[in-house]
Amino acid sequence: MADQAEKKNTYISLHKNFVRTDIEYTDPRSGERKTFNSVTLPQGTVIDGKDVGGYQFSPLFVNESKYRGENWRDIPLLTDREIWLQKSVLDPEGNPVVGEDGKRLKETVRVMPQQIKDALAESRRAYAEAHKDSLAERARDVTEASRAMEAEQRPVPDAQAR
């Protein structure tokens, strides 16, 4: 009964720029056209002391965000299932390293969904803290612009009416 009380899914939310959906490929065994989704973690996403920014995984489902607006995506992940984050191994010139089998070598980090969720939340907090002055300045600019627009819309007293 306790298992049913635990959450089945862990949801992570990312800006749409980090999510690609319906990427087509041909299944090499069946020749059938299929699709998959790909998520790339943003730089500064740190799990167990390692920046996993740039690592990718392929979630089964990607949904438009219920709470964050049209530019965000919610990704449901099974809470108790390990996620394999992968990134191509690059040589010093930045080219992918290929193994003897002709396939790209990949570095793999295995994590749980909650670790990804916590790392993203911490990364967002750190970004907001590092940029709080510029964010506050932008907020002041918006407020000033809004007040200026309101002032322009007020009717000007007609000097001839006196």
C-alpha atoms as a PDB file:
ATOM      1  CA  MET A   1       0.000   0.000   0.000  1.00  0.00           C
ATOM      2  CA  ALA A   2       2.902   2.378   0.712  1.00  0.00           C
ATOM      3  CA  ASP A   3       4.112   1.927  -2.897  1.00  0.00           C
ATOM      4  CA  GLN A   4       0.828   3.342  -4.219  1.00  0.00           C
ATOM      5  CA  ALA A   5       1.235   6.441  -2.043  1.00  0.00           C
ATOM      6  CA  GLU A   6       4.600   7.238  -3.643  1.00  0.00           C
ATOM      7  CA  LYS A   7       4.616   9.269  -6.841  1.00  0.00           C
ATOM      8  CA  LYS A   8       4.840   7.119  -9.964  1.00  0.00           C
ATOM      9  CA  ASN A   9       6.260   9.943 -12.114  1.00  0.00           C
ATOM     10  CA  THR A  10       8.745  12.716 -11.532  1.00  0.00           C
ATOM     11  CA  TYR A  11       8.149  15.711 -13.793  1.00  0.00           C
ATOM     12  CA  ILE A  12      10.929  17.947 -15.011  1.00  0.00           C
ATOM     13  CA  SER A  13      10.275  21.200 -16.871  1.00  0.00           C
ATOM     14  CA  LEU A  14      12.636  22.645 -19.441  1.00  0.00           C
ATOM     15  CA  HIS A  15      12.477  25.480 -21.948  1.00  0.00           C
ATOM     16  CA  LYS A  16      11.534  24.222 -25.420  1.00  0.00           C
ATOM     17  CA  ASN A  17      15.027  25.118 -26.704  1.00  0.00           C
ATOM     18  CA  PHE A  18      16.397  22.099 -24.789  1.00  0.00           C
ATOM     19  CA  VAL A  19      13.780  19.650 -26.106  1.00  0.00           C
ATOM     20  CA  ARG A  20      13.363  18.130 -29.564  1.00  0.00           C
ATOM     21  CA  THR A  21      10.332  16.008 -30.366  1.00  0.00           C
ATOM     22  CA  ASP A  22       9.298  13.631 -33.117  1.00  0.00           C
ATOM     23  CA  ILE A  23      12.798  13.116 -34.539  1.00  0.00           C
ATOM     24  CA  GLU A  24      12.384  10.633 -37.384  1.00  0.00           C
ATOM     25  CA  TYR A  25      14.597   7.637 -38.049  1.00  0.00           C
ATOM     26  CA  THR A  26      14.343   4.308 -39.836  1.00  0.00           C
ATOM     27  CA  ASP A  27      14.478   1.202 -37.648  1.00  0.00           C
ATOM     28  CA  PRO A  28      17.449  -0.789 -39.026  1.00  0.00           C
ATOM     29  CA  ARG A  29      15.804  -4.158 -38.278  1.00  0.00           C
ATOM     30  CA  SER A  30      12.298  -3.561 -39.570  1.00  0.00           C
ATOM     31  CA  GLY A  31      12.879  -0.674 -41.997  1.00  0.00           C
ATOM     32  CA  GLU A  32       9.909   1.029 -40.332  1.00  0.00           C
ATOM     33  CA  ARG A  33       9.840   4.838 -39.879  1.00  0.00           C
ATOM     34  CA  LYS A  34       9.758   5.745 -36.189  1.00  0.00           C
ATOM     35  CA  THR A  35      10.229   8.827 -34.015  1.00  0.00           C
ATOM     36  CA  PHE A  36      11.903   9.651 -30.726  1.00  0.00           C
ATOM     37  CA  ASN A  37      12.337  12.639 -28.386  1.00  0.00           C
ATOM     38  CA  SER A  38      15.616  14.128 -27.194  1.00  0.00           C
ATOM     39  CA  VAL A  39      16.381  16.334 -24.182  1.00  0.00           C
ATOM     40  CA  THR A  40      19.697  18.155 -23.713  1.00  0.00           C
ATOM     41  CA  LEU A  41      20.445  19.336 -20.180  1.00  0.00           C
ATOM     42  CA  PRO A  42      21.487  22.994 -19.854  1.00  0.00           C
ATOM     43  CA  GLN A  43      25.059  23.944 -18.876  1.00  0.00           C
ATOM     44  CA  GLY A  44      25.404  24.330 -15.116  1.00  0.00           C
ATOM     45  CA  THR A  45      23.244  21.286 -14.326  1.00  0.00           C
ATOM     46  CA  VAL A  46      25.370  19.628 -11.631  1.00  0.00           C
ATOM     47  CA  ILE A  47      24.703  16.112 -10.310  1.00  0.00           C
ATOM     48  CA  ASP A  48      27.030  14.597  -7.710  1.00  0.00           C
ATOM     49  CA  GLY A  49      29.592  17.338  -8.367  1.00  0.00           C
ATOM     50  CA  LYS A  50      29.669  16.750 -12.155  1.00  0.00           C
ATOM     51  CA  ASP A  51      28.322  19.276 -14.668  1.00  0.00           C
ATOM     52  CA  VAL A  52      26.077  17.169 -16.898  1.00  0.00           C
ATOM     53  CA  GLY A  53      25.190  20.136 -19.115  1.00  0.00           C
ATOM     54  CA  GLY A  54      25.143  18.981 -22.737  1.00  0.00           C
ATOM     55  CA  TYR A  55      24.299  15.393 -21.808  1.00  0.00           C
ATOM     56  CA  GLN A  56      21.206  14.003 -23.502  1.00  0.00           C
ATOM     57  CA  PHE A  57      18.488  11.457 -22.883  1.00  0.00           C
ATOM     58  CA  SER A  58      15.437  10.281 -24.807  1.00  0.00           C
ATOM     59  CA  PRO A  59      12.177  10.451 -22.860  1.00  0.00           C
ATOM     60  CA  LEU A  60       9.169   8.523 -24.086  1.00  0.00           C
ATOM     61  CA  PHE A  61       6.807  11.485 -23.562  1.00  0.00           C
ATOM     62  CA  VAL A  62       7.111  15.274 -23.831  1.00  0.00           C
ATOM     63  CA  ASN A  63       4.125  17.513 -23.075  1.00  0.00           C
ATOM     64  CA  GLU A  64       3.455  21.235 -23.319  1.00  0.00           C
ATOM     65  CA  SER A  65       3.821  22.668 -19.839  1.00  0.00           C
ATOM     66  CA  LYS A  66       0.637  22.980 -17.803  1.00  0.00           C
ATOM     67  CA  TYR A  67       1.971  25.743 -15.570  1.00  0.00           C
ATOM     68  CA  ARG A  68       4.913  27.490 -17.231  1.00  0.00           C
ATOM     69  CA  GLY A  69       3.436  28.520 -20.571  1.00  0.00           C
ATOM     70  CA  GLU A  70       3.814  27.619 -24.226  1.00  0.00           C
ATOM     71  CA  ASN A  71       7.615  27.921 -24.297  1.00  0.00           C
ATOM     72  CA  TRP A  72       8.150  25.206 -21.684  1.00  0.00           C
ATOM     73  CA  ARG A  73       7.882  21.426 -21.843  1.00  0.00           C
ATOM     74  CA  ASP A  74       7.007  18.982 -19.055  1.00  0.00           C
ATOM     75  CA  ILE A  75       8.731  15.617 -19.219  1.00  0.00           C
ATOM     76  CA  PRO A  76       7.284  12.776 -17.128  1.00  0.00           C
ATOM     77  CA  LEU A  77       9.907  10.249 -15.997  1.00  0.00           C
ATOM     78  CA  LEU A  78       9.250   7.070 -14.037  1.00  0.00           C
ATOM     79  CA  THR A  79      10.372   7.921 -10.502  1.00  0.00           C
ATOM     80  CA  ASP A  80      12.025   4.561  -9.824  1.00  0.00           C
ATOM     81  CA  ARG A  81      13.698   4.133 -13.237  1.00  0.00           C
ATOM     82  CA  GLU A  82      17.300   5.151 -13.815  1.00  0.00           C
ATOM     83  CA  ILE A  83      17.982   7.651 -16.626  1.00  0.00           C
ATOM     84  CA  TRP A  84      21.063   7.209 -18.799  1.00  0.00           C
ATOM     85  CA  LEU A  85      22.520  10.597 -19.702  1.00  0.00           C
ATOM     86  CA  GLN A  86      24.856  10.378 -22.683  1.00  0.00           C
ATOM     87  CA  LYS A  87      27.325  12.688 -24.372  1.00  0.00           C
ATOM     88  CA  SER A  88      29.638  12.027 -27.331  1.00  0.00           C
ATOM     89  CA  VAL A  89      33.341  11.722 -26.471  1.00  0.00           C
ATOM     90  CA  LEU A  90      35.276  14.427 -28.347  1.00  0.00           C
ATOM     91  CA  ASP A  91      38.943  14.633 -29.325  1.00  0.00           C
ATOM     92  CA  PRO A  92      41.001  17.774 -28.541  1.00  0.00           C
ATOM     93  CA  GLU A  93      39.838  19.399 -31.809  1.00  0.00           C
ATOM     94  CA  GLY A  94      36.178  18.847 -30.874  1.00  0.00           C
ATOM     95  CA  ASN A  95      35.491  16.000 -33.294  1.00  0.00           C
ATOM     96  CA  PRO A  96      33.548  12.914 -32.156  1.00  0.00           C
ATOM     97  CA  VAL A  97      35.730   9.919 -31.296  1.00  0.00           C
ATOM     98  CA  VAL A  98      34.731   6.753 -33.176  1.00  0.00           C
ATOM     99  CA  GLY A  99      35.306   3.258 -31.810  1.00  0.00           C
ATOM    100  CA  GLU A 100      36.603   0.207 -33.684  1.00  0.00           C
ATOM    101  CA  ASP A 101      33.015  -0.715 -34.572  1.00  0.00           C
ATOM    102  CA  GLY A 102      32.579   2.615 -36.394  1.00  0.00           C
ATOM    103  CA  LYS A 103      30.130   3.985 -33.801  1.00  0.00           C
ATOM    104  CA  ARG A 104      30.642   7.183 -31.833  1.00  0.00           C
ATOM    105  CA  LEU A 105      31.989   6.656 -28.328  1.00  0.00           C
ATOM    106  CA  LYS A 106      29.660   8.007 -25.646  1.00  0.00           C
ATOM    107  CA  GLU A 107      30.189   8.885 -22.027  1.00  0.00           C
ATOM    108  CA  THR A 108      27.269   7.686 -19.886  1.00  0.00           C
ATOM    109  CA  VAL A 109      26.136   8.927 -16.466  1.00  0.00           C
ATOM    110  CA  ARG A 110      23.314   7.041 -14.736  1.00  0.00           C
ATOM    111  CA  VAL A 111      21.033   9.116 -12.516  1.00  0.00           C
ATOM    112  CA  MET A 112      17.566   9.026 -11.003  1.00  0.00           C
ATOM    113  CA  PRO A 113      14.855  11.469 -12.202  1.00  0.00           C
ATOM    114  CA  GLN A 114      14.734  13.293  -8.854  1.00  0.00           C
ATOM    115  CA  GLN A 115      18.462  14.041  -9.155  1.00  0.00           C
ATOM    116  CA  ILE A 116      17.819  15.740 -12.515  1.00  0.00           C
ATOM    117  CA  LYS A 117      14.882  17.696 -11.076  1.00  0.00           C
ATOM    118  CA  ASP A 118      16.900  18.844  -8.045  1.00  0.00           C
ATOM    119  CA  ALA A 119      19.929  19.783 -10.200  1.00  0.00           C
ATOM    120  CA  LEU A 120      17.767  21.873 -12.542  1.00  0.00           C
ATOM    121  CA  ALA A 121      16.142  23.660  -9.584  1.00  0.00           C
ATOM    122  CA  GLU A 122      19.564  24.421  -8.062  1.00  0.00           C
ATOM    123  CA  SER A 123      20.895  25.638 -11.419  1.00  0.00           C
ATOM    124  CA  ARG A 124      17.926  28.017 -11.778  1.00  0.00           C
ATOM    125  CA  ARG A 125      18.436  29.310  -8.206  1.00  0.00           C
ATOM    126  CA  ALA A 126      22.146  29.898  -8.860  1.00  0.00           C
ATOM    127  CA  TYR A 127      21.370  31.709 -12.140  1.00  0.00           C
ATOM    128  CA  ALA A 128      18.779  33.953 -10.462  1.00  0.00           C
ATOM    129  CA  GLU A 129      21.194  34.730  -7.616  1.00  0.00           C
ATOM    130  CA  ALA A 130      24.060  35.526  -9.992  1.00  0.00           C
ATOM    131  CA  HIS A 131      21.841  37.742 -12.128  1.00  0.00           C
ATOM    132  CA  LYS A 132      19.612  39.284  -9.448  1.00  0.00           C
ATOM    133  CA  ASP A 133      20.981  42.803 -10.026  1.00  0.00           C
ATOM    134  CA  SER A 134      20.399  42.689 -13.778  1.00  0.00           C
ATOM    135  CA  LEU A 135      16.986  41.044 -13.275  1.00  0.00           C
ATOM    136  CA  ALA A 136      16.008  43.762 -10.774  1.00  0.00           C
ATOM    137  CA  GLU A 137      17.237  46.414 -13.212  1.00  0.00           C
ATOM    138  CA  ARG A 138      15.141  44.914 -16.007  1.00  0.00           C
ATOM    139  CA  ALA A 139      12.111  44.868 -13.693  1.00  0.00           C
ATOM    140  CA  ARG A 140      12.659  48.593 -12.881  1.00  0.00           C
ATOM    141  CA  ASP A 141      12.955  49.379 -16.603  1.00  0.00           C
ATOM    142  CA  VAL A 142       9.680  47.600 -17.319  1.00  0.00           C
ATOM    143  CA  THR A 143       7.948  49.434 -14.473  1.00  0.00           C
ATOM    144  CA  GLU A 144       9.235  52.805 -15.700  1.00  0.00           C
ATOM    145  CA  ALA A 145       8.168  52.057 -19.265  1.00  0.00           C
ATOM    146  CA  SER A 146       4.727  51.034 -18.057  1.00  0.00           C
ATOM    147  CA  ARG A 147       4.329  54.268 -16.074  1.00  0.00           C
ATOM    148  CA  ALA A 148       5.465  56.308 -19.073  1.00  0.00           C
ATOM    149  CA  MET A 149       2.894  54.580 -21.278  1.00  0.00           C
ATOM    150  CA  GLU A 150       0.150  55.265 -18.716  1.00  0.00           C
ATOM    151  CA  ALA A 151       1.166  58.959 -18.578  1.00  0.00           C
ATOM    152  CA  GLU A 152       0.953  59.197 -22.391  1.00  0.00           C
ATOM    153  CA  GLN A 153      -2.563  57.765 -22.369  1.00  0.00           C
ATOM    154  CA  ARG A 154      -3.971  60.279 -19.851  1.00  0.00           C
ATOM    155  CA  PRO A 155      -6.032  62.983 -21.513  1.00  0.00           C
ATOM    156  CA  VAL A 156      -4.207  66.301 -21.751  1.00  0.00           C
ATOM    157  CA  PRO A 157      -6.306  69.235 -20.487  1.00  0.00           C
ATOM    158  CA  ASP A 158      -7.445  71.403 -23.382  1.00  0.00           C
ATOM    159  CA  ALA A 159      -5.877  74.851 -22.961  1.00  0.00           C
ATOM    160  CA  GLN A 160      -8.663  76.528 -24.993  1.00  0.00           C
ATOM    161  CA  ALA A 161     -11.402  75.202 -22.725  1.00  0.00           C
ATOM    162  CA  ARG A 162     -10.471  77.735 -20.033  1.00  0.00           C
END
